[in-house]
C-alpha atoms as a PDB file:
ATOM      1  CA  MET A   1     -33.331  24.637  50.922  1.00  0.00           C
ATOM      2  CA  LEU A   2     -35.406  26.280  53.284  1.00  0.00           C
ATOM      3  CA  GLU A   3     -38.056  23.908  52.878  1.00  0.00           C
ATOM      4  CA  LYS A   4     -35.718  20.868  53.675  1.00  0.00           C
ATOM      5  CA  LEU A   5     -34.582  22.443  56.501  1.00  0.00           C
ATOM      6  CA  HIS A   6     -38.155  23.644  58.053  1.00  0.00           C
ATOM      7  CA  ALA A   7     -38.535  19.568  57.605  1.00  0.00           C
ATOM      8  CA  ALA A   8     -35.563  18.552  59.229  1.00  0.00           C
ATOM      9  CA  VAL A   9     -36.460  20.871  62.375  1.00  0.00           C
ATOM     10  CA  ALA A  10     -40.020  19.302  62.095  1.00  0.00           C
ATOM     11  CA  GLU A  11     -38.732  15.890  62.250  1.00  0.00           C
ATOM     12  CA  GLU A  12     -36.090  15.770  64.767  1.00  0.00           C
ATOM     13  CA  LEU A  13     -38.253  17.782  67.117  1.00  0.00           C
ATOM     14  CA  ALA A  14     -40.978  14.985  66.602  1.00  0.00           C
ATOM     15  CA  SER A  15     -38.177  11.962  67.084  1.00  0.00           C
ATOM     16  CA  ARG A  16     -37.304  13.668  70.481  1.00  0.00           C
ATOM     17  CA  ILE A  17     -40.753  13.929  71.391  1.00  0.00           C
ATOM     18  CA  LYS A  18     -42.042  10.145  70.240  1.00  0.00           C
ATOM     19  CA  ALA A  19     -38.580   8.899  72.051  1.00  0.00           C
ATOM     20  CA  GLY A  20     -39.306  10.811  75.223  1.00  0.00           C
ATOM     21  CA  GLU A  21     -35.578  12.357  75.338  1.00  0.00           C
ATOM     22  CA  ALA A  22     -37.209  15.533  74.465  1.00  0.00           C
ATOM     23  CA  THR A  23     -35.428  18.199  77.466  1.00  0.00           C
ATOM     24  CA  ALA A  24     -37.668  21.469  78.471  1.00  0.00           C
ATOM     25  CA  ALA A  25     -35.715  23.151  75.940  1.00  0.00           C
ATOM     26  CA  ASP A  26     -36.945  20.963  73.219  1.00  0.00           C
ATOM     27  CA  LEU A  27     -40.226  21.343  74.244  1.00  0.00           C
ATOM     28  CA  ALA A  28     -40.180  25.101  74.017  1.00  0.00           C
ATOM     29  CA  VAL A  29     -39.188  25.493  70.753  1.00  0.00           C
ATOM     30  CA  ALA A  30     -41.303  22.461  69.288  1.00  0.00           C
ATOM     31  CA  VAL A  31     -44.295  24.997  71.008  1.00  0.00           C
ATOM     32  CA  LYS A  32     -42.562  28.136  69.207  1.00  0.00           C
ATOM     33  CA  PHE A  33     -42.129  25.749  65.843  1.00  0.00           C
ATOM     34  CA  LEU A  34     -46.033  25.022  65.847  1.00  0.00           C
ATOM     35  CA  LYS A  35     -47.155  28.843  66.728  1.00  0.00           C
ATOM     36  CA  ASP A  36     -44.698  30.654  64.502  1.00  0.00           C
ATOM     37  CA  ASN A  37     -46.043  28.086  61.643  1.00  0.00           C
ATOM     38  CA  GLY A  38     -49.779  28.704  62.768  1.00  0.00           C
ATOM     39  CA  ILE A  39     -50.104  25.690  64.253  1.00  0.00           C
ATOM     40  CA  SER A  40     -53.031  25.135  66.303  1.00  0.00           C
ATOM     41  CA  ALA A  41     -55.151  22.594  68.293  1.00  0.00           C
ATOM     42  CA  ILE A  42     -58.985  22.364  68.988  1.00  0.00           C
ATOM     43  CA  VAL A  43     -59.383  20.990  72.660  1.00  0.00           C
ATOM     44  CA  ALA A  44     -61.788  18.159  72.292  1.00  0.00           C
ATOM     45  CA  PRO A  45     -62.916  16.149  75.882  1.00  0.00           C
ATOM     46  CA  ASP A  46     -60.564  13.407  76.749  1.00  0.00           C
ATOM     47  CA  SER A  47     -57.860  14.484  74.780  1.00  0.00           C
ATOM     48  CA  PRO A  48     -54.053  14.998  75.735  1.00  0.00           C
ATOM     49  CA  ILE A  49     -54.480  18.537  75.710  1.00  0.00           C
ATOM     50  CA  THR A  50     -57.374  18.511  78.228  1.00  0.00           C
ATOM     51  CA  ASN A  51     -55.949  15.988  80.575  1.00  0.00           C
ATOM     52  CA  LEU A  52     -52.814  18.601  80.630  1.00  0.00           C
ATOM     53  CA  ILE A  53     -55.347  21.685  81.157  1.00  0.00           C
ATOM     54  CA  LYS A  54     -56.734  19.825  84.153  1.00  0.00           C
ATOM     55  CA  ASN A  55     -53.279  19.271  85.634  1.00  0.00           C
ATOM     56  CA  LEU A  56     -52.114  22.324  85.614  1.00  0.00           C
ATOM     57  CA  PRO A  57     -51.172  24.490  88.931  1.00  0.00           C
ATOM     58  CA  PHE A  58     -53.842  27.821  87.620  1.00  0.00           C
ATOM     59  CA  ASP A  59     -56.778  28.606  85.787  1.00  0.00           C
ATOM     60  CA  VAL A  60     -56.260  28.059  82.209  1.00  0.00           C
ATOM     61  CA  GLU A  61     -58.406  31.330  81.644  1.00  0.00           C
ATOM     62  CA  ASP A  62     -56.814  33.376  84.217  1.00  0.00           C
ATOM     63  CA  ALA A  63     -53.292  33.033  82.434  1.00  0.00           C
ATOM     64  CA  ARG A  64     -54.701  33.951  78.824  1.00  0.00           C
ATOM     65  CA  PRO A  65     -53.636  37.577  78.095  1.00  0.00           C
ATOM     66  CA  ASN A  66     -55.686  40.242  77.513  1.00  0.00           C
END
């Protein structure tokens, strides 16, 4: 049952994000869902994450906890 619930949550979040219908709260839940499941990303040149980092209004290194 937990496996089905986990899959349903992942599918719903992915669907909302792909459709462009995700709210800020949905995105926050998706980030937490990924973090709670040990999912991280390797930042590669010209990736969407790299483009996001370049456009942040602060230095990412300064924002990391010590």
